Amino acid sequence: MAQENLCTLCDGKCCRYFALEIDEPTTERDFDDIRWYLAHEDIVVFVEEGDWYLEVRNVCRHLDEQNRCRIYGDRPALCRDHATDNCEGRDDCELDREHEFRSDEEIAQFAEEHLARLKAMSKKERKKAKKGKKGRKGKKRE
């Protein structure tokens, strides 16, 4: 289905947040920074295909009362490039998140367990785990 057709049926889900890739946390300080992000309202941190993202839930100022884009013909390139084959508005769209954190308490608990597992691993095991992650290429999120 063409993007314009899907967009006319949608309630603007992709216009209600944006997600930015962040570095994978590896230290207590990294996790504490994420804990700070999550102390703010309407923030989610998630992991998808091994990549970490900061999701800011905030509605685009160009949506009208019917959740239609008021600047559709002149919208930013990120909006124009947003593919509808993985669109949040599709009924068959499933988010494939390995982890999703909605509060500073959730990330603190995860960090405690994750860092304890890392400390329990041998140096060789940590190196092997890190090497396995380097082979994956991250993808951009809109």
Protein backbone atom coordinates (compact mmCIF):
# COMPACT_ATOMS: atom_id res chain seq x y z
CA MET A 1 0.00 0.00 0.00
CA ALA A 2 1.33 3.48 -0.80
CA GLN A 3 2.59 5.62 2.06
CA GLU A 4 -0.01 8.35 1.51
CA ASN A 5 -2.80 5.76 1.76
CA LEU A 6 -1.48 4.34 5.02
CA CYS A 7 -0.90 7.80 6.45
CA THR A 8 -4.52 8.83 5.80
CA LEU A 9 -5.69 5.83 7.84
CA CYS A 10 -3.29 6.40 10.74
CA ASP A 11 -3.66 8.30 14.00
CA GLY A 12 -0.10 9.62 13.79
CA LYS A 13 1.63 7.06 16.02
CA CYS A 14 5.03 7.78 14.44
CA CYS A 15 4.45 11.49 15.11
CA ARG A 16 4.08 10.97 18.86
CA TYR A 17 7.67 10.04 19.68
CA PHE A 18 11.17 9.84 18.31
CA ALA A 19 13.95 7.43 19.17
CA LEU A 20 17.67 8.10 19.09
CA GLU A 21 20.33 5.41 19.24
CA ILE A 22 22.53 5.65 22.33
CA ASP A 23 25.72 3.86 23.31
CA GLU A 24 25.30 0.52 24.99
CA PRO A 25 25.88 0.98 28.71
CA THR A 26 28.89 -0.92 30.06
CA THR A 27 29.66 0.79 33.37
CA GLU A 28 27.79 1.84 36.49
CA ARG A 29 28.07 5.46 35.32
CA ASP A 30 26.53 4.61 31.93
CA PHE A 31 23.57 2.95 33.61
CA ASP A 32 23.26 5.85 36.04
CA ASP A 33 23.01 8.24 33.08
CA ILE A 34 20.17 6.13 31.67
CA ARG A 35 18.55 6.13 35.11
CA TRP A 36 18.60 9.92 34.91
CA TYR A 37 16.90 9.88 31.48
CA LEU A 38 14.18 7.62 32.84
CA ALA A 39 13.57 9.87 35.83
CA HIS A 40 11.92 12.25 33.35
CA GLU A 41 8.34 11.88 32.17
CA ASP A 42 7.48 10.28 28.83
CA ILE A 43 10.91 8.70 28.31
CA VAL A 44 11.50 5.05 27.43
CA VAL A 45 14.79 3.27 26.82
CA PHE A 46 14.68 0.09 24.78
CA VAL A 47 16.97 -2.47 23.19
CA GLU A 48 16.24 -3.77 19.70
CA GLU A 49 18.58 -6.16 17.88
CA GLY A 50 21.25 -5.41 20.48
CA ASP A 51 21.13 -1.65 19.88
CA TRP A 52 20.07 0.76 22.64
CA TYR A 53 17.62 3.63 22.03
CA LEU A 54 16.28 6.60 23.94
CA GLU A 55 12.61 7.15 23.07
CA VAL A 56 11.14 10.58 23.72
CA ARG A 57 7.35 10.48 23.79
CA ASN A 58 6.25 13.90 22.71
CA VAL A 59 3.75 14.85 20.02
CA CYS A 60 4.93 16.68 16.91
CA ARG A 61 3.74 20.28 16.97
CA HIS A 62 2.53 19.96 13.35
CA LEU A 63 -0.24 17.44 14.06
CA ASP A 64 -3.75 18.86 13.89
CA GLU A 65 -6.75 17.87 16.07
CA GLN A 66 -7.41 14.84 13.82
CA ASN A 67 -3.75 13.74 14.09
CA ARG A 68 -3.00 14.72 10.50
CA CYS A 69 0.19 16.48 9.50
CA ARG A 70 -0.41 20.16 8.77
CA ILE A 71 2.87 20.39 6.79
CA TYR A 72 2.65 17.04 4.97
CA GLY A 73 3.75 18.49 1.62
CA ASP A 74 6.77 20.17 3.24
CA ARG A 75 7.54 17.70 6.04
CA PRO A 76 11.16 16.96 7.07
CA ALA A 77 13.17 14.32 5.21
CA LEU A 78 13.01 11.92 8.18
CA CYS A 79 9.21 11.97 7.89
CA ARG A 80 9.27 11.52 4.11
CA ASP A 81 11.76 8.65 4.40
CA HIS A 82 9.78 6.80 7.08
CA ALA A 83 8.88 3.50 5.43
CA THR A 84 5.39 2.17 5.97
CA ASP A 85 6.46 -1.47 5.66
CA ASN A 86 7.37 -1.35 9.37
CA CYS A 87 4.91 1.38 10.30
CA GLU A 88 3.52 1.53 13.83
CA GLY A 89 0.06 2.16 12.35
CA ARG A 90 -0.10 -1.23 10.64
CA ASP A 91 -2.20 -3.87 12.36
CA ASP A 92 0.50 -6.50 11.77
CA CYS A 93 3.35 -4.37 13.12
CA GLU A 94 5.03 -5.96 16.13
CA LEU A 95 7.76 -4.27 18.12
CA ASP A 96 10.68 -6.63 18.56
CA ARG A 97 12.23 -5.17 21.68
CA GLU A 98 14.56 -7.30 23.75
CA HIS A 99 14.23 -4.95 26.73
CA GLU A 100 12.10 -1.92 27.47
CA PHE A 101 12.63 0.31 30.49
CA ARG A 102 10.02 2.84 31.61
CA SER A 103 11.39 3.88 34.98
CA ASP A 104 14.64 4.61 36.74
CA GLU A 105 13.91 1.72 39.12
CA GLU A 106 13.66 -0.76 36.22
CA ILE A 107 17.02 0.21 34.73
CA ALA A 108 18.68 0.22 38.17
CA GLN A 109 17.52 -3.36 38.77
CA PHE A 110 18.64 -4.44 35.30
CA ALA A 111 22.02 -2.71 35.73
CA GLU A 112 22.66 -4.42 39.04
CA GLU A 113 21.97 -7.86 37.54
CA HIS A 114 23.77 -7.15 34.25
CA LEU A 115 26.92 -5.75 35.86
CA ALA A 116 27.01 -8.67 38.31
CA ARG A 117 26.87 -11.11 35.35
CA LEU A 118 29.68 -9.21 33.63
CA LYS A 119 31.84 -9.30 36.75
CA ALA A 120 31.25 -13.05 37.04
CA MET A 121 32.43 -13.64 33.47
CA SER A 122 36.07 -14.25 32.82
CA LYS A 123 38.04 -11.69 30.84
CA LYS A 124 38.10 -14.12 27.91
CA GLU A 125 34.30 -14.56 27.99
CA ARG A 126 33.75 -10.78 28.08
CA LYS A 127 36.06 -10.33 25.11
CA LYS A 128 34.24 -13.05 23.16
CA ALA A 129 30.82 -11.52 23.94
CA LYS A 130 32.04 -8.07 22.87
CA LYS A 131 33.55 -9.45 19.66
CA GLY A 132 30.22 -11.10 18.75
CA LYS A 133 28.42 -7.75 18.97
CA LYS A 134 30.87 -5.95 16.66
CA GLY A 135 29.72 -8.06 13.70
CA ARG A 136 26.21 -6.54 13.76
CA LYS A 137 25.47 -3.33 11.93
CA GLY A 138 23.05 -1.03 13.68
CA LYS A 139 20.09 0.48 11.89
CA LYS A 140 18.59 3.92 12.20
CA ARG A 141 15.22 4.48 13.82
CA GLU A 142 12.78 7.18 12.91
